[in-house]
Amino acid sequence: MSGETAIRSAKTGDFEEIITLFESWAPHDWDKEFARKYFDHYFNDKRRESHDKVFVKIVSGKIVGVIGYVPDTYGTPGVFWLGWFYVQREEVGAGHGRDLLGYVIDKLRDAKARKLYLDTSTDELYLPARSLYESMGFGEEATLNGYYGKGEAQLIYCLNLSAR
């Protein structure tokens, strides 16, 4: 897809388009209901900017990807978790994920963050995402076998943001 591109903070008016983006990944419908609840809460919470940061990539007026990060649950200084990182399914491979992840990494480095963690799955569907993470310097920190069910583990990856 060509045209004007931009990455910006998510706005209230992006809600339905973000949900549609998640739906492009069916049959993983569990994301849809959780995402709807999460983003409804996000867009209606006046304090959202002090906690979650959510960004969208726009190409030719259409949201092609979403990404966010949140401070560590336990308040560990300089530690963040990546969240809701999705690219419109038919746009995978066009570089949007790399752009979004690079944007977040740059923002966190500018803020002097120390570490960025993420979790993913060993399911084959997530292979392109794992390849992207590894190509951008993330390393596997932990494997939680059977986390998502028999034969599917959760992987925890980390990027040391102070290293270049």
N, C-alpha and C. Protein backbone atom coordinates (compact mmCIF):
# COMPACT_ATOMS: atom_id res chain seq x y z
N MET A 1 0.85 -1.17 0.00
CA MET A 1 0.00 0.00 0.00
C MET A 1 0.90 1.23 0.00
N SER A 2 0.61 2.21 -0.86
CA SER A 2 1.41 3.43 -0.90
C SER A 2 0.56 4.59 -0.44
N GLY A 3 1.17 5.78 -0.35
CA GLY A 3 0.44 6.96 0.08
C GLY A 3 1.10 7.55 1.30
N GLU A 4 0.48 8.61 1.84
CA GLU A 4 1.02 9.27 3.01
C GLU A 4 0.96 8.35 4.22
N THR A 5 2.04 8.37 4.99
CA THR A 5 2.10 7.54 6.20
C THR A 5 2.42 8.40 7.41
N ALA A 6 1.92 7.97 8.54
CA ALA A 6 2.21 8.65 9.80
C ALA A 6 2.00 7.68 10.94
N ILE A 7 2.74 7.88 12.01
CA ILE A 7 2.50 7.17 13.26
C ILE A 7 2.13 8.25 14.26
N ARG A 8 1.01 8.02 14.97
CA ARG A 8 0.53 9.00 15.94
C ARG A 8 -0.13 8.28 17.10
N SER A 9 -0.39 9.04 18.16
CA SER A 9 -1.13 8.49 19.30
C SER A 9 -2.54 8.11 18.87
N ALA A 10 -3.04 7.02 19.41
CA ALA A 10 -4.41 6.60 19.12
C ALA A 10 -5.38 7.61 19.71
N LYS A 11 -6.47 7.83 18.99
CA LYS A 11 -7.52 8.76 19.42
C LYS A 11 -8.82 7.99 19.62
N THR A 12 -9.74 8.59 20.32
CA THR A 12 -11.05 7.98 20.56
C THR A 12 -11.70 7.52 19.26
N GLY A 13 -11.62 8.33 18.21
CA GLY A 13 -12.25 7.99 16.94
C GLY A 13 -11.63 6.80 16.23
N ASP A 14 -10.49 6.30 16.72
CA ASP A 14 -9.82 5.14 16.12
C ASP A 14 -10.38 3.81 16.61
N PHE A 15 -11.22 3.86 17.63
CA PHE A 15 -11.68 2.65 18.33
C PHE A 15 -12.18 1.57 17.38
N GLU A 16 -13.17 1.85 16.55
CA GLU A 16 -13.77 0.82 15.69
C GLU A 16 -12.78 0.31 14.64
N GLU A 17 -11.94 1.20 14.12
CA GLU A 17 -10.97 0.75 13.12
C GLU A 17 -9.91 -0.16 13.75
N ILE A 18 -9.54 0.11 14.99
CA ILE A 18 -8.60 -0.77 15.70
C ILE A 18 -9.24 -2.14 15.93
N ILE A 19 -10.50 -2.17 16.33
CA ILE A 19 -11.19 -3.44 16.54
C ILE A 19 -11.27 -4.20 15.21
N THR A 20 -11.54 -3.53 14.12
CA THR A 20 -11.57 -4.18 12.80
C THR A 20 -10.21 -4.76 12.45
N LEU A 21 -9.15 -4.06 12.82
CA LEU A 21 -7.80 -4.57 12.59
C LEU A 21 -7.60 -5.89 13.35
N PHE A 22 -8.03 -5.92 14.61
CA PHE A 22 -7.91 -7.16 15.39
C PHE A 22 -8.72 -8.28 14.74
N GLU A 23 -9.90 -7.94 14.24
CA GLU A 23 -10.76 -8.95 13.62
C GLU A 23 -10.14 -9.56 12.37
N SER A 24 -9.18 -8.86 11.76
CA SER A 24 -8.52 -9.40 10.57
C SER A 24 -7.73 -10.66 10.90
N TRP A 25 -7.53 -10.91 12.18
CA TRP A 25 -6.76 -12.08 12.61
C TRP A 25 -7.64 -13.25 13.04
N ALA A 26 -8.93 -13.22 12.74
CA ALA A 26 -9.80 -14.37 13.03
C ALA A 26 -9.14 -15.60 12.41
N PRO A 27 -9.19 -16.77 13.02
CA PRO A 27 -10.16 -17.22 14.01
C PRO A 27 -9.77 -16.98 15.46
N HIS A 28 -8.82 -16.13 15.73
CA HIS A 28 -8.43 -15.87 17.11
C HIS A 28 -9.38 -14.84 17.72
N ASP A 29 -10.66 -15.22 17.83
CA ASP A 29 -11.70 -14.31 18.28
C ASP A 29 -11.57 -13.91 19.75
N TRP A 30 -10.78 -14.63 20.53
CA TRP A 30 -10.61 -14.25 21.93
C TRP A 30 -10.04 -12.85 22.02
N ASP A 31 -9.26 -12.43 21.07
CA ASP A 31 -8.70 -11.08 21.07
C ASP A 31 -9.79 -10.02 20.94
N LYS A 32 -10.80 -10.29 20.15
CA LYS A 32 -11.82 -9.30 19.84
C LYS A 32 -12.55 -8.79 21.08
N GLU A 33 -13.06 -9.67 21.88
CA GLU A 33 -13.81 -9.25 23.06
C GLU A 33 -12.91 -8.57 24.08
N PHE A 34 -11.74 -9.15 24.30
CA PHE A 34 -10.81 -8.55 25.25
C PHE A 34 -10.35 -7.18 24.74
N ALA A 35 -10.05 -7.10 23.46
CA ALA A 35 -9.61 -5.83 22.88
C ALA A 35 -10.69 -4.78 23.00
N ARG A 36 -11.92 -5.17 22.73
CA ARG A 36 -13.03 -4.21 22.82
C ARG A 36 -13.13 -3.67 24.25
N LYS A 37 -13.02 -4.54 25.25
CA LYS A 37 -13.09 -4.10 26.65
C LYS A 37 -11.88 -3.22 26.99
N TYR A 38 -10.70 -3.66 26.56
CA TYR A 38 -9.47 -2.93 26.87
C TYR A 38 -9.51 -1.54 26.26
N PHE A 39 -9.80 -1.46 24.98
CA PHE A 39 -9.77 -0.16 24.32
C PHE A 39 -10.93 0.71 24.73
N ASP A 40 -12.08 0.14 25.04
CA ASP A 40 -13.18 0.94 25.54
C ASP A 40 -12.74 1.61 26.84
N HIS A 41 -12.10 0.83 27.71
CA HIS A 41 -11.59 1.37 28.97
C HIS A 41 -10.52 2.43 28.68
N TYR A 42 -9.60 2.11 27.77
CA TYR A 42 -8.51 3.03 27.43
C TYR A 42 -9.05 4.37 26.93
N PHE A 43 -9.98 4.33 25.99
CA PHE A 43 -10.48 5.56 25.39
C PHE A 43 -11.40 6.35 26.32
N ASN A 44 -11.92 5.73 27.35
CA ASN A 44 -12.83 6.44 28.25
C ASN A 44 -12.20 6.78 29.60
N ASP A 45 -10.93 6.50 29.77
CA ASP A 45 -10.23 6.80 31.01
C ASP A 45 -9.42 8.08 30.81
N LYS A 46 -9.76 9.10 31.52
CA LYS A 46 -9.09 10.41 31.38
C LYS A 46 -7.61 10.34 31.77
N ARG A 47 -7.24 9.33 32.55
CA ARG A 47 -5.85 9.21 33.00
C ARG A 47 -5.00 8.35 32.07
N ARG A 48 -5.55 7.94 30.93
CA ARG A 48 -4.87 6.97 30.08
C ARG A 48 -3.46 7.38 29.67
N GLU A 49 -3.24 8.65 29.40
CA GLU A 49 -1.93 9.08 28.95
C GLU A 49 -0.86 8.94 30.03
N SER A 50 -1.27 8.84 31.29
CA SER A 50 -0.30 8.67 32.35
C SER A 50 0.08 7.19 32.54
N HIS A 51 -0.60 6.31 31.86
CA HIS A 51 -0.35 4.88 32.03
C HIS A 51 0.00 4.23 30.69
N ASP A 52 -0.98 3.88 29.91
CA ASP A 52 -0.76 3.23 28.62
C ASP A 52 -0.41 4.27 27.56
N LYS A 53 0.41 3.86 26.63
CA LYS A 53 0.69 4.65 25.43
C LYS A 53 0.31 3.75 24.26
N VAL A 54 -0.58 4.23 23.42
CA VAL A 54 -1.04 3.45 22.27
C VAL A 54 -0.88 4.31 21.03
N PHE A 55 -0.33 3.71 19.98
CA PHE A 55 -0.05 4.40 18.73
C PHE A 55 -0.63 3.63 17.56
N VAL A 56 -0.96 4.35 16.51
CA VAL A 56 -1.42 3.72 15.28
C VAL A 56 -0.55 4.19 14.12
N LYS A 57 -0.43 3.34 13.13
CA LYS A 57 0.22 3.73 11.87
C LYS A 57 -0.89 3.89 10.84
N ILE A 58 -0.87 5.04 10.18
CA ILE A 58 -1.86 5.39 9.17
C ILE A 58 -1.18 5.38 7.81
N VAL A 59 -1.78 4.72 6.84
CA VAL A 59 -1.32 4.76 5.46
C VAL A 59 -2.52 5.12 4.60
N SER A 60 -2.40 6.19 3.85
CA SER A 60 -3.48 6.67 2.99
C SER A 60 -4.82 6.77 3.73
N GLY A 61 -4.77 7.27 4.95
CA GLY A 61 -5.98 7.49 5.72
C GLY A 61 -6.54 6.28 6.43
N LYS A 62 -5.86 5.13 6.34
CA LYS A 62 -6.34 3.89 6.95
C LYS A 62 -5.36 3.41 8.01
N ILE A 63 -5.89 2.96 9.14
CA ILE A 63 -5.03 2.38 10.19
C ILE A 63 -4.58 1.00 9.72
N VAL A 64 -3.27 0.83 9.60
CA VAL A 64 -2.72 -0.47 9.17
C VAL A 64 -2.03 -1.20 10.32
N GLY A 65 -1.84 -0.52 11.46
CA GLY A 65 -1.20 -1.17 12.59
C GLY A 65 -1.42 -0.41 13.87
N VAL A 66 -1.31 -1.12 14.98
CA VAL A 66 -1.46 -0.54 16.30
C VAL A 66 -0.39 -1.16 17.20
N ILE A 67 0.09 -0.37 18.14
CA ILE A 67 1.10 -0.84 19.09
C ILE A 67 0.97 -0.02 20.36
N GLY A 68 1.35 -0.58 21.46
CA GLY A 68 1.31 0.17 22.70
C GLY A 68 2.31 -0.36 23.69
N TYR A 69 2.50 0.41 24.75
CA TYR A 69 3.34 -0.06 25.84
C TYR A 69 2.79 0.49 27.15
N VAL A 70 3.17 -0.17 28.20
CA VAL A 70 2.68 0.16 29.53
C VAL A 70 3.83 -0.02 30.52
N PRO A 71 3.89 0.82 31.55
CA PRO A 71 4.91 0.61 32.58
C PRO A 71 4.72 -0.76 33.24
N ASP A 72 5.81 -1.30 33.73
CA ASP A 72 5.77 -2.58 34.43
C ASP A 72 4.73 -2.55 35.55
N THR A 73 3.97 -3.62 35.67
CA THR A 73 2.90 -3.73 36.67
C THR A 73 3.39 -3.44 38.08
N TYR A 74 4.60 -3.83 38.38
CA TYR A 74 5.13 -3.66 39.74
C TYR A 74 5.86 -2.33 39.91
N GLY A 75 5.81 -1.48 38.88
CA GLY A 75 6.41 -0.16 39.00
C GLY A 75 7.92 -0.16 38.96
N THR A 76 8.52 -1.22 38.44
CA THR A 76 9.98 -1.27 38.33
C THR A 76 10.44 -0.12 37.44
N PRO A 77 11.28 0.76 37.96
CA PRO A 77 11.70 1.93 37.18
C PRO A 77 12.37 1.55 35.86
N GLY A 78 11.94 2.23 34.79
CA GLY A 78 12.56 2.05 33.48
C GLY A 78 12.20 0.78 32.75
N VAL A 79 11.22 0.03 33.25
CA VAL A 79 10.82 -1.23 32.63
C VAL A 79 9.40 -1.11 32.08
N PHE A 80 9.23 -1.53 30.83
CA PHE A 80 7.95 -1.43 30.14
C PHE A 80 7.61 -2.74 29.46
N TRP A 81 6.32 -2.92 29.18
CA TRP A 81 5.83 -4.10 28.46
C TRP A 81 5.13 -3.64 27.19
N LEU A 82 5.44 -4.31 26.10
CA LEU A 82 4.80 -4.05 24.83
C LEU A 82 3.42 -4.69 24.85
N GLY A 83 2.46 -4.04 24.21
CA GLY A 83 1.12 -4.60 24.17
C GLY A 83 0.40 -4.26 22.88
N TRP A 84 -0.61 -5.03 22.57
CA TRP A 84 -1.50 -4.82 21.43
C TRP A 84 -0.77 -4.43 20.17
N PHE A 85 0.17 -5.27 19.81
CA PHE A 85 0.96 -5.05 18.61
C PHE A 85 0.36 -5.90 17.49
N TYR A 86 -0.37 -5.26 16.61
CA TYR A 86 -1.02 -5.93 15.48
C TYR A 86 -0.85 -5.09 14.22
N VAL A 87 -0.69 -5.77 13.12
CA VAL A 87 -0.71 -5.16 11.79
C VAL A 87 -1.85 -5.81 11.04
N GLN A 88 -2.59 -5.01 10.28
CA GLN A 88 -3.68 -5.54 9.44
C GLN A 88 -3.15 -6.77 8.70
N ARG A 89 -3.88 -7.86 8.78
CA ARG A 89 -3.38 -9.14 8.27
C ARG A 89 -2.88 -9.06 6.82
N GLU A 90 -3.62 -8.39 5.95
CA GLU A 90 -3.20 -8.33 4.55
C GLU A 90 -2.01 -7.38 4.34
N GLU A 91 -1.59 -6.67 5.39
CA GLU A 91 -0.46 -5.75 5.30
C GLU A 91 0.83 -6.34 5.90
N VAL A 92 0.76 -7.56 6.44
CA VAL A 92 1.94 -8.18 7.03
C VAL A 92 3.01 -8.33 5.95
N GLY A 93 4.23 -7.98 6.30
CA GLY A 93 5.35 -8.08 5.37
C GLY A 93 5.66 -6.77 4.65
N ALA A 94 4.84 -5.75 4.87
CA ALA A 94 5.04 -4.45 4.20
C ALA A 94 5.92 -3.50 5.02
N GLY A 95 6.41 -3.95 6.18
CA GLY A 95 7.28 -3.12 6.99
C GLY A 95 6.59 -2.29 8.05
N HIS A 96 5.27 -2.39 8.15
CA HIS A 96 4.53 -1.59 9.13
C HIS A 96 4.88 -1.99 10.56
N GLY A 97 5.01 -3.28 10.81
CA GLY A 97 5.37 -3.75 12.15
C GLY A 97 6.74 -3.25 12.56
N ARG A 98 7.70 -3.31 11.65
CA ARG A 98 9.05 -2.81 11.93
C ARG A 98 9.00 -1.31 12.24
N ASP A 99 8.22 -0.56 11.47
CA ASP A 99 8.09 0.88 11.70
C ASP A 99 7.50 1.16 13.08
N LEU A 100 6.42 0.47 13.42
CA LEU A 100 5.76 0.68 14.71
C LEU A 100 6.67 0.30 15.88
N LEU A 101 7.29 -0.85 15.79
CA LEU A 101 8.16 -1.29 16.88
C LEU A 101 9.36 -0.36 17.01
N GLY A 102 9.93 0.06 15.89
CA GLY A 102 11.04 1.01 15.93
C GLY A 102 10.64 2.33 16.57
N TYR A 103 9.43 2.77 16.29
CA TYR A 103 8.89 4.01 16.87
C TYR A 103 8.83 3.90 18.39
N VAL A 104 8.28 2.80 18.89
CA VAL A 104 8.17 2.60 20.33
C VAL A 104 9.55 2.50 20.96
N ILE A 105 10.46 1.76 20.34
CA ILE A 105 11.82 1.63 20.88
C ILE A 105 12.48 3.00 20.97
N ASP A 106 12.36 3.81 19.93
CA ASP A 106 12.95 5.15 19.96
C ASP A 106 12.34 6.01 21.07
N LYS A 107 11.01 5.96 21.22
CA LYS A 107 10.34 6.74 22.27
C LYS A 107 10.86 6.33 23.66
N LEU A 108 10.96 5.03 23.88
CA LEU A 108 11.40 4.55 25.19
C LEU A 108 12.87 4.87 25.43
N ARG A 109 13.70 4.76 24.41
CA ARG A 109 15.11 5.14 24.57
C ARG A 109 15.24 6.62 24.88
N ASP A 110 14.46 7.45 24.18
CA ASP A 110 14.48 8.89 24.45
C ASP A 110 14.07 9.19 25.89
N ALA A 111 13.19 8.36 26.44
CA ALA A 111 12.72 8.52 27.82
C ALA A 111 13.67 7.86 28.83
N LYS A 112 14.79 7.33 28.34
CA LYS A 112 15.81 6.68 29.19
C LYS A 112 15.30 5.41 29.86
N ALA A 113 14.36 4.71 29.21
CA ALA A 113 13.89 3.42 29.73
C ALA A 113 15.03 2.41 29.66
N ARG A 114 14.97 1.41 30.51
CA ARG A 114 16.02 0.38 30.56
C ARG A 114 15.68 -0.86 29.76
N LYS A 115 14.44 -1.35 29.89
CA LYS A 115 14.08 -2.63 29.28
C LYS A 115 12.66 -2.58 28.72
N LEU A 116 12.48 -3.30 27.62
CA LEU A 116 11.16 -3.49 27.03
C LEU A 116 10.93 -4.98 26.90
N TYR A 117 9.89 -5.47 27.59
CA TYR A 117 9.52 -6.88 27.55
C TYR A 117 8.28 -7.06 26.68
N LEU A 118 8.10 -8.27 26.20
CA LEU A 118 6.89 -8.64 25.49
C LEU A 118 6.67 -10.12 25.67
N ASP A 119 5.41 -10.54 25.48
CA ASP A 119 5.14 -11.97 25.50
C ASP A 119 4.49 -12.34 24.17
N THR A 120 4.76 -13.56 23.75
CA THR A 120 4.23 -14.08 22.50
C THR A 120 4.02 -15.58 22.66
N SER A 121 3.64 -16.21 21.60
CA SER A 121 3.30 -17.63 21.62
C SER A 121 4.24 -18.42 20.71
N THR A 122 4.37 -19.71 21.02
CA THR A 122 5.14 -20.59 20.14
C THR A 122 4.31 -21.07 18.94
N ASP A 123 3.02 -20.73 18.91
CA ASP A 123 2.17 -21.10 17.78
C ASP A 123 2.79 -20.59 16.48
N GLU A 124 2.68 -21.38 15.43
CA GLU A 124 3.26 -21.05 14.12
C GLU A 124 2.76 -19.70 13.59
N LEU A 125 1.54 -19.32 13.93
CA LEU A 125 0.96 -18.05 13.51
C LEU A 125 1.85 -16.87 13.92
N TYR A 126 2.57 -17.01 15.03
CA TYR A 126 3.38 -15.92 15.57
C TYR A 126 4.83 -15.97 15.10
N LEU A 127 5.18 -16.87 14.22
CA LEU A 127 6.55 -16.96 13.73
C LEU A 127 7.03 -15.65 13.10
N PRO A 128 6.25 -15.00 12.22
CA PRO A 128 6.73 -13.73 11.67
C PRO A 128 6.99 -12.67 12.75
N ALA A 129 6.15 -12.63 13.77
CA ALA A 129 6.36 -11.68 14.86
C ALA A 129 7.64 -12.00 15.61
N ARG A 130 7.84 -13.28 15.92
CA ARG A 130 9.07 -13.66 16.64
C ARG A 130 10.30 -13.32 15.82
N SER A 131 10.24 -13.54 14.52
CA SER A 131 11.37 -13.21 13.63
C SER A 131 11.65 -11.71 13.67
N LEU A 132 10.60 -10.90 13.66
CA LEU A 132 10.76 -9.45 13.74
C LEU A 132 11.42 -9.06 15.06
N TYR A 133 10.91 -9.59 16.16
CA TYR A 133 11.48 -9.25 17.48
C TYR A 133 12.97 -9.58 17.52
N GLU A 134 13.31 -10.75 17.08
CA GLU A 134 14.71 -11.18 17.12
C GLU A 134 15.57 -10.32 16.21
N SER A 135 15.05 -9.94 15.03
CA SER A 135 15.83 -9.10 14.11
C SER A 135 16.05 -7.69 14.67
N MET A 136 15.22 -7.29 15.61
CA MET A 136 15.36 -5.95 16.20
C MET A 136 16.05 -5.99 17.56
N GLY A 137 16.66 -7.13 17.89
CA GLY A 137 17.50 -7.20 19.08
C GLY A 137 16.89 -7.80 20.32
N PHE A 138 15.63 -8.23 20.26
CA PHE A 138 15.01 -8.87 21.41
C PHE A 138 15.58 -10.27 21.57
N GLY A 139 15.75 -10.69 22.81
CA GLY A 139 16.20 -12.04 23.10
C GLY A 139 15.19 -12.74 23.99
N GLU A 140 15.11 -14.05 23.84
CA GLU A 140 14.18 -14.84 24.66
C GLU A 140 14.71 -14.91 26.08
N GLU A 141 13.85 -14.59 27.04
CA GLU A 141 14.21 -14.60 28.45
C GLU A 141 13.60 -15.77 29.20
N ALA A 142 12.41 -16.22 28.76
CA ALA A 142 11.73 -17.30 29.48
C ALA A 142 10.74 -18.01 28.56
N THR A 143 10.50 -19.27 28.89
CA THR A 143 9.49 -20.07 28.20
C THR A 143 8.57 -20.65 29.27
N LEU A 144 7.28 -20.41 29.10
CA LEU A 144 6.29 -20.97 30.01
C LEU A 144 5.55 -22.07 29.26
N ASN A 145 6.03 -23.29 29.39
CA ASN A 145 5.49 -24.42 28.65
C ASN A 145 4.03 -24.68 29.01
N GLY A 146 3.22 -24.93 27.97
CA GLY A 146 1.82 -25.24 28.16
C GLY A 146 0.96 -24.07 28.60
N TYR A 147 1.49 -22.88 28.58
CA TYR A 147 0.77 -21.70 29.08
C TYR A 147 -0.56 -21.50 28.36
N TYR A 148 -0.56 -21.61 27.03
CA TYR A 148 -1.77 -21.41 26.24
C TYR A 148 -2.53 -22.71 25.96
N GLY A 149 -2.01 -23.81 26.46
CA GLY A 149 -2.62 -25.10 26.23
C GLY A 149 -1.55 -26.11 25.84
N LYS A 150 -1.99 -27.33 25.64
CA LYS A 150 -1.06 -28.40 25.32
C LYS A 150 -0.26 -28.08 24.06
N GLY A 151 1.05 -28.09 24.19
CA GLY A 151 1.94 -27.87 23.06
C GLY A 151 2.16 -26.41 22.67
N GLU A 152 1.55 -25.48 23.39
CA GLU A 152 1.74 -24.06 23.06
C GLU A 152 2.23 -23.31 24.28
N ALA A 153 3.47 -22.82 24.17
CA ALA A 153 4.11 -22.11 25.27
C ALA A 153 4.00 -20.60 25.09
N GLN A 154 4.14 -19.91 26.21
CA GLN A 154 4.30 -18.46 26.16
C GLN A 154 5.80 -18.18 26.20
N LEU A 155 6.25 -17.28 25.34
CA LEU A 155 7.64 -16.85 25.33
C LEU A 155 7.72 -15.41 25.82
N ILE A 156 8.68 -15.14 26.67
CA ILE A 156 8.93 -13.78 27.14
C ILE A 156 10.23 -13.33 26.47
N TYR A 157 10.15 -12.21 25.77
CA TYR A 157 11.31 -11.62 25.11
C TYR A 157 11.65 -10.30 25.80
N CYS A 158 12.91 -9.87 25.69
CA CYS A 158 13.34 -8.62 26.29
C CYS A 158 14.34 -7.91 25.35
N LEU A 159 14.23 -6.59 25.34
CA LEU A 159 15.22 -5.76 24.65
C LEU A 159 15.83 -4.84 25.70
N ASN A 160 17.14 -4.88 25.80
CA ASN A 160 17.86 -3.98 26.70
C ASN A 160 17.97 -2.64 25.97
N LEU A 161 17.23 -1.64 26.40
CA LEU A 161 17.16 -0.37 25.70
C LEU A 161 18.39 0.51 25.89
N SER A 162 19.16 0.24 26.91
CA SER A 162 20.37 1.05 27.14
C SER A 162 21.55 0.57 26.31
N ALA A 163 21.42 -0.61 25.71
CA ALA A 163 22.49 -1.13 24.83
C ALA A 163 22.20 -0.73 23.39
N ARG A 164 23.20 -0.42 22.67
CA ARG A 164 23.02 -0.06 21.25
C ARG A 164 23.93 -0.87 20.40
